[in-house]
Amino acid sequence: MAIGLGFVSICLSEENCSPAGTVTVKSLENLDPEGQRRRIQATARRNLDNTRRIMFFLRAHHIPLYRMSAQLIPLATHPATEGWDWWKDPELEPLMAEIGELVQRHRVRISSHLPQLCLLTAASPSKLQWTEKYLEYHRRLFEAMGLDERTKIVMHLGGAYSDRAQALRRAVAYVKQLPEWARKRLCLENDDRVFSAAEVLQVCRETGVPMVFDYHHHVCRNDGEDVRDLLPAAFATWTDRPPKIHLSSPRDSRDPRAHADYVDVDFVRPALDAARRLGDFDVMVEAKKKDLALFKLREDLGSLSGNETVGL
């Protein structure tokens, strides 16, 4: 049985290795369209170059899982980039192609996570526009990298809007009408305030998309369900790569939803114990210390494991 560990976006072990550099709309106000494009292009190139560096870091440290920044191309969903085919840009296209080649060569399992403004449950079509924009952005990005549907896009369902049953029905209907490429890449995750793991699992069963089980969120928002009952069903939604869970632990008792710097093994032990009975699985470490937290968790798991392969 193997546990694959991964981390989110920024690599703290490497100096100046953030792939999440941003460009604000305000910073573009005094620039002409060409100047705006050059500024966005420069930041995108730095983000992509740091992502390329991280691919070598993953290989060197036997890390098989990684979540790319959703902001690799800043303002890609904003009118500021309209008319610019960034996925064909001669400054960016070779970098994206090289990243994709490294992902495939090193067999890294890649994902991205849509921001909270992306919803599946909204009644108003205007509130769904960001979901559509970000999905299209990721389609362009992953296709430019040559990555197939095993590269996943994770998102939460959204708000309940005073009628959670109706909101869940809207989520199911919306996912079903998405283009096939989007359904193949999409994964749904339970959140810590609105929709429980059991509710998200039902949406996944009805739509055929995989479920990412977030244990910290489950502890914060549940209706009494036991992780030992939920995980087998959540894992069964996966077909094209190992099932995945998110692990983090509370920063402190005053703010139990906030993520701590590292993962408290005692806190996540119920999820790990349940998952270990089900075969191979992946763990996305969502602690604030990123790759440093991954290394600490790998060390902790290594001291506890029996016949497991941790992190490979």
Protein backbone atom coordinates (compact mmCIF):
# COMPACT_ATOMS: atom_id res chain seq x y z
CA MET A 1 0.00 0.00 0.00
CA ALA A 2 1.39 3.39 -1.03
CA ILE A 3 0.56 6.88 0.18
CA GLY A 4 1.43 9.63 -2.31
CA LEU A 5 2.13 13.01 -0.70
CA GLY A 6 1.93 16.41 -2.37
CA PHE A 7 1.86 20.09 -1.53
CA VAL A 8 0.22 23.27 -2.77
CA SER A 9 1.78 25.80 -5.13
CA ILE A 10 4.69 27.59 -3.40
CA CYS A 11 7.94 25.76 -2.68
CA LEU A 12 9.44 27.15 0.53
CA SER A 13 12.58 25.02 0.36
CA GLU A 14 13.74 26.89 -2.72
CA GLU A 15 14.62 30.60 -2.69
CA ASN A 16 12.15 32.90 -4.48
CA CYS A 17 10.15 29.99 -5.85
CA SER A 18 6.56 31.20 -5.93
CA PRO A 19 4.46 30.32 -9.00
CA ALA A 20 1.64 32.53 -7.72
CA GLY A 21 2.81 36.03 -8.62
CA THR A 22 -0.08 38.39 -9.31
CA VAL A 23 -0.79 41.54 -11.30
CA THR A 24 -3.44 43.91 -9.96
CA VAL A 25 -5.84 45.72 -12.24
CA LYS A 26 -4.85 48.98 -10.55
CA SER A 27 -1.20 48.49 -11.50
CA LEU A 28 -2.26 48.44 -15.17
CA GLU A 29 -4.29 51.67 -15.10
CA ASN A 30 -1.54 53.94 -16.46
CA LEU A 31 -0.24 51.51 -19.07
CA ASP A 32 -1.27 51.23 -22.70
CA PRO A 33 -2.59 47.85 -23.89
CA GLU A 34 0.88 46.70 -25.01
CA GLY A 35 2.39 47.71 -21.68
CA GLN A 36 -0.35 45.86 -19.83
CA ARG A 37 0.29 42.74 -21.84
CA ARG A 38 4.04 42.92 -21.22
CA ARG A 39 3.57 43.27 -17.48
CA ILE A 40 1.19 40.30 -17.32
CA GLN A 41 3.47 38.30 -19.61
CA ALA A 42 6.53 38.95 -17.41
CA THR A 43 4.74 37.77 -14.28
CA ALA A 44 3.30 34.75 -16.08
CA ARG A 45 6.77 33.83 -17.33
CA ARG A 46 8.17 34.04 -13.79
CA ASN A 47 5.30 31.89 -12.49
CA LEU A 48 5.86 29.29 -15.17
CA ASP A 49 9.61 29.29 -14.70
CA ASN A 50 9.15 28.69 -10.96
CA THR A 51 6.68 25.90 -11.75
CA ARG A 52 9.36 24.37 -13.97
CA ARG A 53 11.84 24.58 -11.10
CA ILE A 54 9.32 22.88 -8.81
CA MET A 55 9.00 19.98 -11.25
CA PHE A 56 12.71 19.22 -10.75
CA PHE A 57 12.30 19.69 -6.99
CA LEU A 58 9.48 17.12 -6.96
CA ARG A 59 11.65 14.64 -8.82
CA ALA A 60 14.64 15.17 -6.55
CA HIS A 61 12.56 14.62 -3.42
CA HIS A 62 10.33 11.80 -4.70
CA ILE A 63 7.11 13.80 -4.45
CA PRO A 64 4.46 12.41 -6.82
CA LEU A 65 1.68 14.93 -6.24
CA TYR A 66 1.46 18.69 -6.77
CA ARG A 67 -1.20 21.39 -6.96
CA MET A 68 -0.40 24.09 -9.49
CA SER A 69 -1.28 27.68 -8.75
CA ALA A 70 -4.59 28.72 -10.31
CA GLN A 71 -2.98 32.08 -11.09
CA LEU A 72 -0.11 30.96 -13.33
CA ILE A 73 -1.32 33.38 -15.98
CA PRO A 74 -2.42 36.48 -14.03
CA LEU A 75 -5.75 38.02 -15.03
CA ALA A 76 -6.35 35.27 -17.60
CA THR A 77 -10.08 35.49 -16.80
CA HIS A 78 -10.14 39.31 -16.82
CA PRO A 79 -10.91 41.65 -19.75
CA ALA A 80 -7.31 42.89 -19.50
CA THR A 81 -6.17 39.76 -21.36
CA GLU A 82 -8.92 39.69 -24.00
CA GLY A 83 -7.48 39.48 -27.49
CA TRP A 84 -4.19 37.98 -26.26
CA ASP A 85 -3.79 34.28 -26.99
CA TRP A 86 -1.47 33.71 -24.03
CA TRP A 87 -1.47 29.93 -24.62
CA LYS A 88 0.23 30.59 -27.98
CA ASP A 89 2.53 33.39 -26.77
CA PRO A 90 6.11 32.68 -27.95
CA GLU A 91 7.46 33.69 -24.53
CA LEU A 92 5.13 31.35 -22.64
CA GLU A 93 4.25 28.45 -24.92
CA PRO A 94 7.67 26.71 -24.74
CA LEU A 95 7.65 26.92 -20.94
CA MET A 96 4.18 25.42 -20.71
CA ALA A 97 5.16 22.62 -23.08
CA GLU A 98 8.31 21.88 -21.06
CA ILE A 99 6.37 21.79 -17.78
CA GLY A 100 3.93 19.32 -19.30
CA GLU A 101 6.77 17.17 -20.60
CA LEU A 102 8.37 17.11 -17.13
CA VAL A 103 5.04 16.21 -15.52
CA GLN A 104 4.67 13.24 -17.83
CA ARG A 105 8.30 12.16 -17.65
CA HIS A 106 8.34 12.26 -13.85
CA ARG A 107 4.76 10.89 -13.57
CA VAL A 108 3.54 13.67 -11.32
CA ARG A 109 -0.17 13.75 -10.55
CA ILE A 110 -1.24 17.36 -11.05
CA SER A 111 -4.28 19.31 -9.93
CA SER A 112 -5.45 22.90 -9.55
CA HIS A 113 -8.08 24.42 -7.27
CA LEU A 114 -10.61 27.01 -8.40
CA PRO A 115 -11.05 30.12 -6.21
CA GLN A 116 -14.09 30.51 -3.96
CA LEU A 117 -15.86 32.86 -6.37
CA CYS A 118 -16.41 29.83 -8.61
CA LEU A 119 -19.77 28.24 -7.81
CA LEU A 120 -21.97 25.36 -8.90
CA THR A 121 -25.05 26.11 -6.81
CA ALA A 122 -25.97 29.68 -7.78
CA ALA A 123 -29.43 30.29 -9.23
CA SER A 124 -28.33 33.30 -11.27
CA PRO A 125 -26.41 32.57 -14.49
CA SER A 126 -24.31 35.68 -13.89
CA LYS A 127 -22.91 34.11 -10.73
CA LEU A 128 -21.77 31.09 -12.72
CA GLN A 129 -19.66 33.13 -15.13
CA TRP A 130 -16.49 32.82 -13.04
CA THR A 131 -16.78 29.04 -12.99
CA GLU A 132 -17.03 29.03 -16.77
CA LYS A 133 -14.15 31.49 -17.17
CA TYR A 134 -11.83 29.57 -14.85
CA LEU A 135 -12.70 26.21 -16.37
CA GLU A 136 -11.94 27.56 -19.84
CA TYR A 137 -8.69 29.08 -18.57
CA HIS A 138 -7.62 25.70 -17.18
CA ARG A 139 -8.57 23.97 -20.41
CA ARG A 140 -6.24 26.29 -22.32
CA LEU A 141 -3.48 25.92 -19.72
CA PHE A 142 -3.53 22.14 -19.45
CA GLU A 143 -3.87 21.65 -23.20
CA ALA A 144 -0.86 23.94 -23.73
CA MET A 145 1.01 21.66 -21.34
CA GLY A 146 -0.19 18.55 -23.15
CA LEU A 147 -1.83 17.18 -19.99
CA ASP A 148 -4.83 14.89 -20.31
CA GLU A 149 -7.94 14.57 -18.14
CA ARG A 150 -6.01 12.90 -15.32
CA THR A 151 -4.92 16.45 -14.47
CA LYS A 152 -7.79 17.52 -12.22
CA ILE A 153 -9.59 20.75 -11.34
CA VAL A 154 -10.89 20.78 -7.74
CA MET A 155 -13.69 23.04 -6.54
CA HIS A 156 -16.30 23.47 -3.81
CA LEU A 157 -20.02 23.52 -4.53
CA GLY A 158 -20.73 27.07 -3.35
CA GLY A 159 -23.49 28.49 -1.16
CA ALA A 160 -26.78 27.02 -0.01
CA TYR A 161 -28.79 30.21 -0.75
CA SER A 162 -31.36 29.46 2.02
CA ASP A 163 -32.43 26.17 0.36
CA ARG A 164 -29.66 23.60 0.47
CA ALA A 165 -31.68 20.83 -1.19
CA GLN A 166 -32.46 23.05 -4.16
CA ALA A 167 -28.84 24.26 -4.27
CA LEU A 168 -27.63 20.66 -4.43
CA ARG A 169 -30.06 19.92 -7.27
CA ARG A 170 -28.73 22.95 -9.16
CA ALA A 171 -25.16 21.71 -8.68
CA VAL A 172 -26.05 18.30 -10.11
CA ALA A 173 -27.85 19.86 -13.09
CA TYR A 174 -25.02 22.29 -13.78
CA VAL A 175 -22.29 19.64 -13.67
CA LYS A 176 -24.28 17.40 -15.98
CA GLN A 177 -24.54 20.13 -18.61
CA LEU A 178 -20.82 20.98 -18.54
CA PRO A 179 -18.77 20.03 -21.62
CA GLU A 180 -17.33 16.53 -21.51
CA TRP A 181 -13.74 17.79 -21.12
CA ALA A 182 -14.75 19.75 -18.01
CA ARG A 183 -16.58 16.81 -16.41
CA LYS A 184 -13.55 14.59 -16.98
CA ARG A 185 -11.25 17.04 -15.21
CA LEU A 186 -13.57 18.16 -12.43
CA CYS A 187 -13.39 16.98 -8.80
CA LEU A 188 -15.65 18.16 -5.98
CA GLU A 189 -14.56 18.79 -2.40
CA ASN A 190 -16.53 19.14 0.82
CA ASP A 191 -16.18 22.48 2.59
CA ASP A 192 -15.97 23.55 6.23
CA ARG A 193 -19.13 25.68 6.47
CA VAL A 194 -21.90 24.76 4.04
CA PHE A 195 -21.93 21.32 2.41
CA SER A 196 -20.85 18.20 4.26
CA ALA A 197 -18.82 15.36 2.81
CA ALA A 198 -21.98 13.24 2.64
CA GLU A 199 -23.78 15.90 0.57
CA VAL A 200 -20.86 16.37 -1.81
CA LEU A 201 -20.52 12.61 -2.15
CA GLN A 202 -24.13 12.40 -3.29
CA VAL A 203 -23.52 15.04 -5.98
CA CYS A 204 -20.45 13.11 -7.14
CA ARG A 205 -22.41 9.88 -7.35
CA GLU A 206 -25.15 11.53 -9.40
CA THR A 207 -22.76 13.26 -11.79
CA GLY A 208 -19.96 10.72 -12.07
CA VAL A 209 -17.17 13.09 -11.02
CA PRO A 210 -14.63 12.15 -8.31
CA MET A 211 -14.75 13.41 -4.75
CA VAL A 212 -11.78 14.82 -2.86
CA PHE A 213 -12.34 14.17 0.84
CA ASP A 214 -11.06 16.98 3.07
CA TYR A 215 -10.79 15.63 6.60
CA HIS A 216 -10.26 19.00 8.33
CA HIS A 217 -13.37 20.33 6.61
CA HIS A 218 -15.28 17.20 7.60
CA VAL A 219 -14.42 17.75 11.26
CA CYS A 220 -15.67 21.34 11.00
CA ARG A 221 -18.85 20.56 9.02
CA ASN A 222 -20.62 17.23 9.34
CA ASP A 223 -23.96 15.77 10.35
CA GLY A 224 -22.50 13.04 12.52
CA GLU A 225 -21.15 10.87 9.70
CA ASP A 226 -18.15 8.66 10.47
CA VAL A 227 -15.08 9.01 8.25
CA ARG A 228 -14.85 5.20 8.16
CA ASP A 229 -18.24 5.07 6.44
CA LEU A 230 -17.61 7.96 4.03
CA LEU A 231 -14.14 7.18 2.72
CA PRO A 232 -14.89 3.88 0.94
CA ALA A 233 -17.67 5.54 -1.04
CA ALA A 234 -15.57 8.64 -1.77
CA PHE A 235 -12.62 6.52 -2.93
CA ALA A 236 -14.95 4.52 -5.19
CA THR A 237 -15.69 7.67 -7.23
CA TRP A 238 -12.12 7.62 -8.60
CA THR A 239 -11.25 5.64 -11.73
CA ASP A 240 -8.26 7.18 -13.53
CA ARG A 241 -5.82 7.95 -10.68
CA PRO A 242 -5.50 7.13 -6.97
CA PRO A 243 -8.22 8.59 -4.74
CA LYS A 244 -7.21 11.76 -2.93
CA ILE A 245 -7.74 13.29 0.47
CA HIS A 246 -6.76 16.72 1.78
CA LEU A 247 -5.03 16.86 5.15
CA SER A 248 -4.50 19.82 7.44
CA SER A 249 -5.09 20.53 11.12
CA PRO A 250 -6.48 23.53 13.01
CA ARG A 251 -4.17 26.40 13.87
CA ASP A 252 -5.71 26.67 17.34
CA SER A 253 -8.98 26.22 19.21
CA ARG A 254 -9.97 29.86 18.73
CA ASP A 255 -10.00 29.49 14.95
CA PRO A 256 -10.53 25.79 14.21
CA ARG A 257 -11.04 26.34 10.48
CA ALA A 258 -7.67 28.03 9.91
CA HIS A 259 -4.83 25.75 8.81
CA ALA A 260 -1.81 25.23 11.04
CA ASP A 261 1.77 25.48 9.79
CA TYR A 262 2.22 21.70 9.97
CA VAL A 263 -0.09 18.68 10.08
CA ASP A 264 -0.87 17.28 13.50
CA VAL A 265 -0.69 13.52 12.97
CA ASP A 266 -2.89 12.82 15.97
CA PHE A 267 -5.61 15.08 14.52
CA VAL A 268 -5.63 13.36 11.10
CA ARG A 269 -5.10 9.83 12.39
CA PRO A 270 -8.79 8.78 11.99
CA ALA A 271 -8.69 9.67 8.30
CA LEU A 272 -5.34 7.96 7.76
CA ASP A 273 -6.39 4.83 9.60
CA ALA A 274 -9.57 4.59 7.53
CA ALA A 275 -7.80 5.26 4.24
CA ARG A 276 -5.04 2.75 4.89
CA ARG A 277 -7.58 -0.07 4.81
CA LEU A 278 -8.63 0.84 1.27
CA GLY A 279 -5.39 0.56 -0.73
CA ASP A 280 -3.21 3.21 -2.40
CA PHE A 281 -4.24 6.83 -2.03
CA ASP A 282 -2.93 10.39 -2.37
CA VAL A 283 -2.66 13.08 0.29
CA MET A 284 -2.55 16.78 -0.57
CA VAL A 285 -0.91 18.52 2.37
CA GLU A 286 -2.69 21.85 2.90
CA ALA A 287 -0.63 23.14 5.83
CA LYS A 288 0.79 26.67 5.70
CA LYS A 289 4.40 25.46 5.54
CA LYS A 290 3.78 23.80 2.18
CA ASP A 291 6.61 21.40 1.22
CA LEU A 292 8.20 21.75 4.67
CA ALA A 293 4.97 20.42 6.19
CA LEU A 294 5.00 17.57 3.65
CA PHE A 295 8.50 16.54 4.72
CA LYS A 296 7.49 16.62 8.38
CA LEU A 297 4.36 14.57 7.70
CA ARG A 298 6.34 12.07 5.66
CA GLU A 299 8.78 11.69 8.54
CA ASP A 300 5.94 11.25 11.02
CA LEU A 301 4.15 8.71 8.83
CA GLY A 302 7.38 6.85 8.20
CA SER A 303 7.85 6.32 11.92
CA LEU A 304 4.30 4.99 12.21
CA SER A 305 4.03 2.88 9.04
CA GLY A 306 4.27 -0.85 8.70
CA ASN A 307 4.51 -2.12 5.14
CA GLU A 308 3.60 1.19 3.56
CA THR A 309 5.49 3.24 1.01
CA VAL A 310 5.06 6.85 2.07
CA GLY A 311 5.43 9.71 -0.40
CA LEU A 312 6.14 7.66 -3.53
